[in-house]
Amino acid sequence: MKDVWDGTAKQIVQVFQKIKEQKPLIHMIPNAVSAALCADGLSALGARPLMAVAVEEMAEITQQADVSVVNLGQLTHEKSAAAEQVLRCTAEYRKPVVLDPVGCGASCFRLQTVQRLLELPWQGIVKGNRSELYSIQQNQLTREGIDSIVKRELSLQIPKGRVYYVTGQEDFILRNGREQALLRPCEIREKNRYNIVGSGCLAGAITGACCSTAAGQEQEEALQLGAAAASFAMAFVLEQAERARGYGSAKTALLDGLCLLAECEFEKWLLNEETDEK
């Protein structure tokens, strides 16, 4: 069943205000290509990033962190083992986790690893593009690398306790038999001429930070709000980057935009978008 996410601009801005106030510890198993951008991005939000990859310390780190983000880019057997440990620990400590199955339709090794991790009993968000999530649901390779080229249909049957945050030209959320559109279709991603390396990984890191503020809320509702907040945040900061004069300044503008998410400027942007759509 299709519907529209019915949250408010105020709810979204409050997520980022809480991040600045609470300064959550975000543990991330990163992609080496984008680790620095993700750490900088989390710091710009007001969160405290901790990048850890050694399986020997995963239990201790996961217990300390408010949320964990597992990015499966540049997958190795060692990273797979660390990811499995994190997912087991988040289930034990009842903490949210974001799994980013980067390019899981590109190779059998990636897809088999992701399927094994999805069988574990954790709760949280699977963040990916249509191609990645289609590969997961159908257990098929798409051979599209980390991109989503063909518009494939996704099943609405999502495991209980999980939310699928689907990124692309239009972002949407899949949960509990429902597809919820996010009414800012993020056209900026398609026309972003700078194509900033790691921006997709950054979206996963931001999603984790957004989920860290949800203490006391119903689990799937909290995950849904976290995914929506991350989607709107990325649309906003990529728009800031688009106005820059070159690649370097675009990257700086993106990080500067993350600093504005708890401010009235972002709320006004959200309200203007809503007004335009009515």
Protein backbone atom coordinates (compact mmCIF):
# COMPACT_ATOMS: atom_id res chain seq x y z
CA MET A 1 0.00 0.00 0.00
CA LYS A 2 1.43 3.38 -1.03
CA ASP A 3 1.16 6.46 1.12
CA VAL A 4 3.10 9.58 2.03
CA TRP A 5 5.20 10.11 5.12
CA ASP A 6 3.20 12.60 7.15
CA GLY A 7 5.79 14.00 9.53
CA THR A 8 6.45 17.71 9.94
CA ALA A 9 9.37 20.03 9.30
CA LYS A 10 9.57 20.64 13.05
CA GLN A 11 10.01 16.93 13.75
CA ILE A 12 12.86 16.76 11.25
CA VAL A 13 14.67 19.81 12.64
CA GLN A 14 14.24 18.53 16.20
CA VAL A 15 16.15 15.38 15.24
CA PHE A 16 19.20 17.48 14.38
CA GLN A 17 18.76 19.73 17.41
CA LYS A 18 18.83 16.64 19.62
CA ILE A 19 22.01 15.44 17.91
CA LYS A 20 23.71 18.72 18.77
CA GLU A 21 22.43 18.60 22.36
CA GLN A 22 23.06 14.93 23.07
CA LYS A 23 26.31 14.49 21.09
CA PRO A 24 25.70 10.78 20.42
CA LEU A 25 28.58 8.37 19.87
CA ILE A 26 28.24 6.90 16.38
CA HIS A 27 30.28 3.78 15.72
CA MET A 28 30.86 3.16 12.03
CA ILE A 29 32.53 0.34 10.16
CA PRO A 30 33.44 2.59 7.23
CA ASN A 31 34.36 2.30 3.61
CA ALA A 32 37.99 3.46 3.47
CA VAL A 33 37.22 5.62 0.42
CA SER A 34 34.69 7.70 2.37
CA ALA A 35 35.72 7.30 6.01
CA ALA A 36 37.07 10.84 6.37
CA LEU A 37 34.00 12.43 4.77
CA CYS A 38 31.69 10.42 7.03
CA ALA A 39 33.67 11.33 10.15
CA ASP A 40 33.71 15.00 9.16
CA GLY A 41 30.00 14.88 8.37
CA LEU A 42 29.10 13.35 11.74
CA SER A 43 31.21 15.95 13.52
CA ALA A 44 29.50 18.74 11.56
CA LEU A 45 26.16 17.45 12.85
CA GLY A 46 27.43 17.58 16.41
CA ALA A 47 27.78 13.80 16.82
CA ARG A 48 30.94 11.98 17.92
CA PRO A 49 32.24 9.60 15.23
CA LEU A 50 34.18 6.45 16.10
CA MET A 51 35.53 4.46 13.18
CA ALA A 52 36.44 0.94 14.27
CA VAL A 53 36.98 -2.16 12.13
CA ALA A 54 38.82 -4.79 14.23
CA VAL A 55 36.60 -7.73 15.13
CA GLU A 56 38.42 -8.07 18.45
CA GLU A 57 36.94 -4.79 19.76
CA MET A 58 33.49 -4.85 18.18
CA ALA A 59 31.64 -6.01 21.32
CA GLU A 60 33.17 -3.29 23.50
CA ILE A 61 32.70 -0.55 20.93
CA THR A 62 29.12 -1.51 20.13
CA GLN A 63 28.17 -1.53 23.81
CA GLN A 64 29.47 2.04 24.22
CA ALA A 65 27.98 3.48 21.05
CA ASP A 66 24.49 4.95 20.78
CA VAL A 67 24.11 3.48 17.30
CA SER A 68 26.24 1.53 14.83
CA VAL A 69 26.53 2.02 11.06
CA VAL A 70 27.88 -0.89 9.01
CA ASN A 71 29.07 0.08 5.54
CA LEU A 72 29.95 -2.97 3.44
CA GLY A 73 31.94 -1.14 0.77
CA GLN A 74 35.34 -2.69 -0.01
CA LEU A 75 34.14 -5.92 1.58
CA THR A 76 36.68 -8.42 2.91
CA HIS A 77 36.39 -11.54 5.08
CA GLU A 78 37.71 -9.53 8.03
CA LYS A 79 35.13 -6.80 7.51
CA SER A 80 32.39 -9.40 7.17
CA ALA A 81 33.37 -10.93 10.52
CA ALA A 82 33.39 -7.50 12.18
CA ALA A 83 29.98 -6.67 10.71
CA GLU A 84 28.52 -9.93 11.99
CA GLN A 85 29.85 -9.21 15.46
CA VAL A 86 28.34 -5.72 15.46
CA LEU A 87 24.93 -6.98 14.35
CA ARG A 88 24.92 -9.69 17.02
CA CYS A 89 25.89 -7.16 19.67
CA THR A 90 23.30 -4.57 18.67
CA ALA A 91 20.65 -7.27 18.96
CA GLU A 92 21.94 -8.23 22.42
CA TYR A 93 22.13 -4.62 23.65
CA ARG A 94 18.91 -3.61 21.85
CA LYS A 95 20.56 -0.76 20.00
CA PRO A 96 19.69 0.47 16.50
CA VAL A 97 21.95 -0.25 13.55
CA VAL A 98 22.13 0.93 9.94
CA LEU A 99 23.33 -1.57 7.35
CA ASP A 100 24.53 -0.16 4.01
CA PRO A 101 24.90 -3.12 1.59
CA VAL A 102 27.11 -1.25 -0.88
CA GLY A 103 27.03 -2.81 -4.35
CA CYS A 104 25.66 -6.10 -3.06
CA GLY A 105 24.37 -6.95 -6.53
CA ALA A 106 27.85 -6.67 -8.04
CA SER A 107 29.31 -10.00 -6.92
CA CYS A 108 28.35 -13.32 -5.37
CA PHE A 109 30.68 -12.68 -2.43
CA ARG A 110 28.94 -9.43 -1.55
CA LEU A 111 25.42 -10.76 -1.97
CA GLN A 112 26.05 -13.96 -0.01
CA THR A 113 27.63 -11.96 2.80
CA VAL A 114 24.71 -9.54 3.00
CA GLN A 115 22.17 -12.37 3.00
CA ARG A 116 23.99 -14.04 5.88
CA LEU A 117 24.02 -10.79 7.86
CA LEU A 118 20.31 -10.23 7.20
CA GLU A 119 19.52 -13.60 8.76
CA LEU A 120 20.74 -12.36 12.15
CA PRO A 121 18.04 -11.07 14.56
CA TRP A 122 18.95 -7.35 14.68
CA GLN A 123 16.63 -4.37 14.37
CA GLY A 124 17.37 -1.25 12.35
CA ILE A 125 17.58 0.23 8.87
CA VAL A 126 18.80 -1.25 5.61
CA LYS A 127 19.80 1.77 3.52
CA GLY A 128 20.40 1.23 -0.18
CA ASN A 129 19.40 2.05 -3.72
CA ARG A 130 16.81 0.07 -5.73
CA SER A 131 19.44 -2.16 -7.28
CA GLU A 132 20.95 -3.15 -3.92
CA LEU A 133 17.60 -3.80 -2.25
CA TYR A 134 16.28 -5.70 -5.27
CA SER A 135 19.33 -7.97 -5.11
CA ILE A 136 18.62 -8.59 -1.44
CA GLN A 137 14.95 -9.34 -1.93
CA GLN A 138 15.34 -11.52 -5.02
CA ASN A 139 18.74 -12.94 -4.10
CA GLN A 140 19.91 -12.03 -7.60
CA LEU A 141 22.91 -10.15 -8.95
CA THR A 142 22.15 -7.01 -10.96
CA ARG A 143 25.74 -6.42 -12.19
CA GLU A 144 25.29 -2.64 -11.86
CA GLY A 145 28.26 -2.00 -9.58
CA ILE A 146 27.22 0.44 -6.86
CA ASP A 147 24.74 2.21 -9.16
CA SER A 148 21.02 1.71 -9.73
CA ILE A 149 20.40 1.88 -13.47
CA VAL A 150 17.22 -0.14 -14.05
CA LYS A 151 14.07 0.84 -12.13
CA ARG A 152 13.11 -2.46 -10.49
CA GLU A 153 10.03 -3.10 -8.37
CA LEU A 154 10.60 -3.85 -4.71
CA SER A 155 8.54 -6.05 -2.43
CA LEU A 156 6.72 -4.41 0.49
CA GLN A 157 7.30 -7.44 2.69
CA ILE A 158 9.94 -6.18 5.10
CA PRO A 159 11.03 -8.19 8.17
CA LYS A 160 9.55 -7.01 11.46
CA GLY A 161 11.75 -4.57 13.32
CA ARG A 162 13.41 -3.29 10.16
CA VAL A 163 12.91 -0.38 7.80
CA TYR A 164 14.24 -0.18 4.25
CA TYR A 165 15.37 3.33 3.32
CA VAL A 166 15.48 3.45 -0.48
CA THR A 167 17.64 6.18 -2.03
CA GLY A 168 17.61 7.48 -5.58
CA GLN A 169 15.90 10.07 -7.73
CA GLU A 170 12.98 9.68 -5.34
CA ASP A 171 13.59 8.48 -1.79
CA PHE A 172 11.05 6.34 0.00
CA ILE A 173 10.64 4.07 3.00
CA LEU A 174 9.47 0.46 3.07
CA ARG A 175 8.13 -0.89 6.33
CA ASN A 176 5.49 -3.28 7.58
CA GLY A 177 3.82 -3.79 4.19
CA ARG A 178 3.76 -0.10 3.27
CA GLU A 179 5.66 2.17 0.91
CA GLN A 180 5.94 5.73 2.19
CA ALA A 181 7.10 8.39 -0.24
CA LEU A 182 9.25 11.26 0.96
CA LEU A 183 7.78 14.27 -0.77
CA ARG A 184 11.06 15.91 -1.67
CA PRO A 185 12.18 13.76 -4.59
CA CYS A 186 15.83 14.77 -4.34
CA GLU A 187 16.24 15.78 -7.98
CA ILE A 188 19.45 17.46 -6.86
CA ARG A 189 21.16 14.07 -6.71
CA GLU A 190 20.65 13.52 -10.39
CA LYS A 191 21.81 16.94 -11.48
CA ASN A 192 24.65 17.32 -8.98
CA ARG A 193 27.44 18.00 -11.43
CA TYR A 194 30.20 17.46 -8.86
CA ASN A 195 29.27 13.85 -7.99
CA ILE A 196 31.00 14.05 -4.62
CA VAL A 197 32.72 10.75 -3.81
CA GLY A 198 31.30 9.16 -0.67
CA SER A 199 28.04 11.11 -0.51
CA GLY A 200 26.07 7.85 -0.46
CA CYS A 201 28.14 6.54 2.44
CA LEU A 202 27.63 9.87 4.18
CA ALA A 203 23.86 9.38 3.87
CA GLY A 204 24.24 6.13 5.80
CA ALA A 205 26.28 7.82 8.52
CA ILE A 206 23.71 10.61 8.85
CA THR A 207 20.93 8.02 9.03
CA GLY A 208 22.69 6.43 11.98
CA ALA A 209 23.03 9.75 13.76
CA CYS A 210 19.34 10.47 13.20
CA CYS A 211 18.36 7.12 14.72
CA SER A 212 20.47 7.80 17.82
CA THR A 213 18.01 10.42 19.12
CA ALA A 214 14.99 8.13 19.22
CA ALA A 215 15.15 6.88 22.83
CA GLY A 216 11.69 6.20 24.20
CA GLN A 217 9.97 6.07 20.80
CA GLU A 218 8.36 3.02 19.23
CA GLN A 219 11.12 1.22 17.34
CA GLU A 220 9.82 1.22 13.77
CA GLU A 221 8.40 4.73 14.11
CA ALA A 222 11.78 5.95 15.32
CA LEU A 223 13.58 4.24 12.44
CA GLN A 224 11.14 5.76 9.98
CA LEU A 225 11.76 9.25 11.35
CA GLY A 226 15.52 8.67 11.21
CA ALA A 227 15.39 7.65 7.56
CA ALA A 228 13.15 10.59 6.63
CA ALA A 229 15.37 13.08 8.45
CA ALA A 230 18.46 11.74 6.69
CA SER A 231 16.77 11.91 3.28
CA PHE A 232 15.72 15.55 3.67
CA ALA A 233 19.10 16.46 5.14
CA MET A 234 20.96 15.02 2.16
CA ALA A 235 18.69 16.85 -0.28
CA PHE A 236 19.41 20.10 1.53
CA VAL A 237 23.19 19.74 1.78
CA LEU A 238 23.55 18.55 -1.81
CA GLU A 239 21.64 21.63 -2.88
CA GLN A 240 24.20 23.75 -1.01
CA ALA A 241 27.00 21.86 -2.77
CA GLU A 242 25.39 22.41 -6.17
CA ARG A 243 25.81 26.17 -5.78
CA ALA A 244 29.58 25.92 -5.34
CA ARG A 245 32.02 26.90 -8.09
CA GLY A 246 34.14 23.75 -8.06
CA TYR A 247 34.57 20.26 -6.60
CA GLY A 248 36.61 21.33 -3.58
CA SER A 249 34.29 24.14 -2.59
CA ALA A 250 31.29 21.85 -3.21
CA LYS A 251 32.63 19.40 -0.64
CA THR A 252 33.13 22.23 1.84
CA ALA A 253 29.62 23.54 1.15
CA LEU A 254 28.20 20.08 1.80
CA LEU A 255 29.88 19.92 5.22
CA ASP A 256 28.87 23.48 6.01
CA GLY A 257 25.29 22.56 5.11
CA LEU A 258 25.34 19.81 7.74
CA CYS A 259 26.05 22.45 10.38
CA LEU A 260 22.80 24.22 9.43
CA LEU A 261 20.43 21.30 9.92
CA ALA A 262 19.60 22.27 13.52
CA GLU A 263 18.99 25.89 12.53
CA CYS A 264 15.98 27.84 11.29
CA GLU A 265 17.48 28.00 7.79
CA PHE A 266 16.87 24.29 7.27
CA GLU A 267 13.37 24.48 8.73
CA LYS A 268 12.52 27.35 6.36
CA TRP A 269 13.84 25.30 3.46
CA LEU A 270 11.60 22.41 4.46
CA LEU A 271 8.56 24.64 4.78
CA ASN A 272 9.21 26.26 1.42
CA GLU A 273 9.41 22.82 -0.19
CA GLU A 274 6.10 21.84 1.39
CA THR A 275 4.47 25.09 0.22
CA ASP A 276 5.68 24.54 -3.33
CA GLU A 277 4.18 21.07 -3.43
CA LYS A 278 0.65 22.08 -2.34
